[in-house]
């Protein structure tokens, strides 16, 4: 009986040792598989990020591509031809509107504010005229002889402050639209480039015709140096 119990105990010890070794082997295999899957997942993620960054890379030359490329704003992008045409129209009319602001500035200075100093004067020569009292150059000279120059610059009348406020609004909006259109052109997408160029060209011709009809010289705009 004693010999039997010793033999049974020995068999039980060997069985337990074999079970522990088997569990350790399975744990090692599972850990190796998990590490492999994690590594493959990391590599896939890095590959996806690389593809995304290469797709979203900034254009450095003119291209006909426009799909999913942001224009001015992050979410303003075309996913199809219809969306690209919509952005084209937005940029076209924005450029056209910018030329309208230039013309509005010139019209206000000449026709509303009667600002002779900042206006390009077109004078018709009359050979029969004998009176030079209305000569624009004389009017300009008489106004510049005013000794209170600093007072007029820093402490203008209330009416002049109102005019300057209107000038400020027009200049601010013109600068905002001008630089926004510049950023759109810097996408180097030909679709958006021609949208801005065509808008400026059509606006130039249209408001030049309006200026001829209204007798306004559009080149004397306050913010005309932006174009």
Protein backbone atom coordinates (compact mmCIF):
# COMPACT_ATOMS: atom_id res chain seq x y z
CA UNK A 1 0.00 0.00 0.00
CA UNK A 2 2.84 2.41 0.82
CA UNK A 3 4.54 1.79 -2.51
CA UNK A 4 1.28 2.40 -4.36
CA UNK A 5 0.68 5.79 -2.77
CA UNK A 6 4.23 6.96 -3.57
CA UNK A 7 3.81 5.94 -7.23
CA UNK A 8 0.46 7.69 -7.48
CA UNK A 9 1.88 10.86 -5.98
CA UNK A 10 4.76 10.78 -8.45
CA UNK A 11 2.33 10.40 -11.38
CA UNK A 12 0.23 13.28 -10.10
CA UNK A 13 3.30 15.57 -9.88
CA UNK A 14 4.38 14.76 -13.42
CA UNK A 15 0.86 15.44 -14.74
CA UNK A 16 0.73 18.84 -13.00
CA UNK A 17 4.13 19.84 -14.39
CA UNK A 18 3.05 18.88 -17.92
CA UNK A 19 -0.15 20.95 -17.59
CA UNK A 20 1.80 24.02 -16.40
CA UNK A 21 4.23 23.71 -19.30
CA UNK A 22 1.35 23.45 -21.75
CA UNK A 23 -0.35 26.56 -20.32
CA UNK A 24 2.88 28.57 -20.50
CA UNK A 25 3.39 27.50 -24.09
CA UNK A 26 -0.16 28.56 -25.03
CA UNK A 27 0.31 31.92 -23.26
CA UNK A 28 3.55 32.55 -25.15
CA UNK A 29 1.90 31.67 -28.46
CA UNK A 30 -1.07 33.96 -27.72
CA UNK A 31 1.22 36.87 -26.75
CA UNK A 32 3.24 36.43 -29.92
CA UNK A 33 0.09 36.43 -32.05
CA UNK A 34 -1.20 39.55 -30.29
CA UNK A 35 2.11 41.35 -30.85
CA UNK A 36 2.03 40.41 -34.52
CA UNK A 37 -1.53 41.70 -34.93
CA UNK A 38 -0.66 44.94 -33.11
CA UNK A 39 2.38 45.47 -35.32
CA UNK A 40 0.36 44.87 -38.47
CA UNK A 41 -2.33 47.27 -37.22
CA UNK A 42 0.26 49.97 -36.53
CA UNK A 43 1.80 49.51 -39.95
CA UNK A 44 -1.65 49.74 -41.57
CA UNK A 45 -2.42 52.92 -39.65
CA UNK A 46 0.89 54.47 -40.64
CA UNK A 47 0.25 53.52 -44.26
CA UNK A 48 -3.19 55.12 -44.15
CA UNK A 49 -1.76 58.29 -42.59
CA UNK A 50 0.94 58.40 -45.24
CA UNK A 51 -1.59 58.04 -48.03
CA UNK A 52 -3.80 60.71 -46.47
CA UNK A 53 -0.93 63.16 -46.04
CA UNK A 54 0.27 62.61 -49.60
CA UNK A 55 -3.27 63.15 -50.91
CA UNK A 56 -3.75 66.32 -48.87
CA UNK A 57 -0.33 67.71 -49.81
CA UNK A 58 -0.23 71.31 -50.97
CA UNK A 59 -0.08 71.88 -54.73
CA UNK A 60 3.10 73.54 -55.88
CA UNK A 61 2.20 73.95 -59.57
CA UNK A 62 -0.90 74.35 -61.72
CA UNK A 63 -3.02 71.22 -61.94
CA UNK A 64 -6.43 70.21 -63.22
CA UNK A 65 -7.14 68.24 -60.03
CA UNK A 66 -9.71 69.68 -57.64
CA UNK A 67 -11.33 66.70 -55.89
CA UNK A 68 -11.40 66.98 -52.08
CA UNK A 69 -8.92 69.86 -52.11
CA UNK A 70 -9.86 72.62 -49.58
CA UNK A 71 -10.39 76.13 -50.93
CA UNK A 72 -9.85 78.96 -48.39
CA UNK A 73 -11.83 77.04 -45.72
CA UNK A 74 -11.16 73.48 -44.52
CA UNK A 75 -14.64 72.19 -45.36
CA UNK A 76 -14.99 74.04 -48.67
CA UNK A 77 -13.96 71.28 -51.05
CA UNK A 78 -15.40 69.64 -54.15
CA UNK A 79 -16.24 65.94 -54.12
CA UNK A 80 -17.64 65.95 -57.67
CA UNK A 81 -17.97 68.15 -60.76
CA UNK A 82 -21.18 69.77 -59.54
CA UNK A 83 -19.54 70.92 -56.32
CA UNK A 84 -16.52 72.19 -58.26
CA UNK A 85 -18.83 74.26 -60.48
CA UNK A 86 -20.50 75.69 -57.39
CA UNK A 87 -17.14 76.80 -55.97
CA UNK A 88 -16.27 78.20 -59.42
CA UNK A 89 -19.40 80.39 -59.33
CA UNK A 90 -18.67 81.56 -55.78
CA UNK A 91 -15.15 82.67 -56.73
CA UNK A 92 -16.34 84.25 -59.99
CA UNK A 93 -18.96 86.43 -58.34
CA UNK A 94 -16.63 87.26 -55.45
CA UNK A 95 -14.09 88.65 -57.92
CA UNK A 96 -16.86 90.48 -59.79
CA UNK A 97 -18.08 91.95 -56.48
CA UNK A 98 -14.54 93.11 -55.67
CA UNK A 99 -14.43 95.17 -58.86
CA UNK A 100 -17.82 96.57 -57.91
CA UNK A 101 -16.40 97.75 -54.58
CA UNK A 102 -13.61 99.56 -56.42
CA UNK A 103 -16.14 101.31 -58.61
CA UNK A 104 -18.32 102.17 -55.61
CA UNK A 105 -15.35 103.80 -53.91
CA UNK A 106 -14.60 105.93 -56.98
CA UNK A 107 -18.26 106.88 -57.42
CA UNK A 108 -18.61 108.00 -53.81
CA UNK A 109 -15.45 110.11 -53.92
CA UNK A 110 -16.42 111.90 -57.14
CA UNK A 111 -20.20 112.11 -57.11
CA UNK A 112 -21.21 111.97 -53.44
CA UNK A 113 -18.28 113.24 -51.35
CA UNK A 114 -17.02 115.60 -54.11
CA UNK A 115 -13.47 114.82 -53.09
CA UNK A 116 -11.44 116.76 -55.65
CA UNK A 117 -8.06 115.96 -54.08
CA UNK A 118 -8.34 112.17 -54.40
CA UNK A 119 -10.14 112.16 -57.75
CA UNK A 120 -8.62 111.96 -61.18
CA UNK A 121 -10.04 115.03 -62.87
CA UNK A 122 -10.94 114.88 -66.53
CA UNK A 123 -11.17 118.41 -67.81
CA UNK A 124 -12.53 119.42 -71.17
CA UNK A 125 -10.62 122.26 -72.76
CA UNK A 126 -12.74 125.16 -73.94
CA UNK A 127 -10.76 127.53 -76.12
CA UNK A 128 -13.46 130.20 -75.80
CA UNK A 129 -13.45 130.24 -72.03
CA UNK A 130 -12.05 133.36 -70.42
CA UNK A 131 -12.80 132.73 -66.75
CA UNK A 132 -10.38 130.49 -64.88
CA UNK A 133 -12.09 130.71 -61.48
CA UNK A 134 -13.35 127.14 -61.76
CA UNK A 135 -9.96 125.66 -62.56
CA UNK A 136 -9.62 122.45 -60.45
CA UNK A 137 -5.92 123.06 -59.92
CA UNK A 138 -6.63 126.47 -58.39
CA UNK A 139 -9.31 125.01 -56.17
CA UNK A 140 -6.86 122.37 -54.97
CA UNK A 141 -4.16 124.98 -54.32
CA UNK A 142 -6.53 127.17 -52.31
CA UNK A 143 -7.56 124.23 -50.10
CA UNK A 144 -3.96 123.23 -49.37
CA UNK A 145 -3.15 126.76 -48.18
CA UNK A 146 -5.28 126.24 -45.10
CA UNK A 147 -2.97 126.71 -42.08
CA UNK A 148 -4.97 124.37 -39.81
CA UNK A 149 -3.76 121.19 -41.48
CA UNK A 150 -3.14 119.14 -38.33
CA UNK A 151 -6.53 120.06 -36.93
CA UNK A 152 -8.27 118.89 -40.09
CA UNK A 153 -6.30 115.63 -40.09
CA UNK A 154 -6.77 114.59 -36.45
CA UNK A 155 -9.95 116.46 -35.56
CA UNK A 156 -12.11 116.53 -38.70
CA UNK A 157 -15.77 117.62 -38.60
CA UNK A 158 -18.46 115.07 -37.79
CA UNK A 159 -19.50 114.90 -41.44
CA UNK A 160 -15.98 114.01 -42.51
CA UNK A 161 -15.79 111.33 -39.82
CA UNK A 162 -18.91 109.74 -41.29
CA UNK A 163 -17.31 109.70 -44.73
CA UNK A 164 -14.14 108.16 -43.32
CA UNK A 165 -16.21 105.45 -41.64
CA UNK A 166 -17.77 104.55 -45.00
CA UNK A 167 -14.30 104.55 -46.57
CA UNK A 168 -13.08 102.26 -43.79
CA UNK A 169 -15.85 99.72 -44.40
CA UNK A 170 -15.24 99.67 -48.15
CA UNK A 171 -11.47 99.34 -47.69
CA UNK A 172 -11.86 96.53 -45.13
CA UNK A 173 -14.29 94.49 -47.24
CA UNK A 174 -12.19 95.03 -50.37
CA UNK A 175 -9.02 93.87 -48.63
CA UNK A 176 -10.80 90.83 -47.18
CA UNK A 177 -12.19 89.76 -50.55
CA UNK A 178 -8.92 90.50 -52.32
CA UNK A 179 -6.75 88.37 -50.07
CA UNK A 180 -9.34 85.59 -49.93
CA UNK A 181 -9.30 85.41 -53.73
CA UNK A 182 -5.51 85.37 -53.62
CA UNK A 183 -5.64 82.31 -51.33
CA UNK A 184 -8.07 80.63 -53.74
CA UNK A 185 -5.66 81.18 -56.62
CA UNK A 186 -2.82 79.77 -54.51
CA UNK A 187 -4.52 76.36 -54.55
CA UNK A 188 -2.96 76.13 -58.05
CA UNK A 189 -6.13 74.49 -59.34
CA UNK A 190 -6.86 75.73 -62.85
CA UNK A 191 -10.61 75.63 -62.26
CA UNK A 192 -10.43 78.09 -59.38
CA UNK A 193 -7.70 80.17 -61.03
CA UNK A 194 -9.83 80.85 -64.10
CA UNK A 195 -12.86 81.54 -61.90
CA UNK A 196 -11.04 84.45 -60.24
CA UNK A 197 -9.48 85.74 -63.46
CA UNK A 198 -12.76 85.65 -65.38
CA UNK A 199 -14.60 87.36 -62.52
CA UNK A 200 -12.06 90.21 -62.47
CA UNK A 201 -12.12 90.53 -66.27
CA UNK A 202 -15.91 90.63 -66.53
CA UNK A 203 -16.10 93.05 -63.60
CA UNK A 204 -13.54 95.35 -65.18
CA UNK A 205 -15.44 95.56 -68.46
CA UNK A 206 -18.86 95.88 -66.84
CA UNK A 207 -18.00 98.61 -64.35
CA UNK A 208 -15.96 100.45 -66.95
CA UNK A 209 -19.16 100.68 -69.00
CA UNK A 210 -21.07 101.85 -65.93
CA UNK A 211 -18.43 104.50 -65.30
CA UNK A 212 -18.70 105.79 -68.85
CA UNK A 213 -22.48 106.09 -68.54
CA UNK A 214 -22.35 107.79 -65.11
CA UNK A 215 -19.34 109.96 -65.88
CA UNK A 216 -17.19 108.38 -63.17
CA UNK A 217 -13.48 107.66 -63.46
CA UNK A 218 -13.14 104.25 -61.83
CA UNK A 219 -9.34 104.55 -61.59
CA UNK A 220 -9.63 107.01 -58.69
CA UNK A 221 -11.00 104.40 -56.29
CA UNK A 222 -9.76 104.61 -52.72
CA UNK A 223 -8.77 100.93 -52.68
CA UNK A 224 -8.00 100.48 -56.37
CA UNK A 225 -4.37 99.62 -55.66
CA UNK A 226 -5.43 96.14 -54.51
CA UNK A 227 -6.04 94.90 -58.06
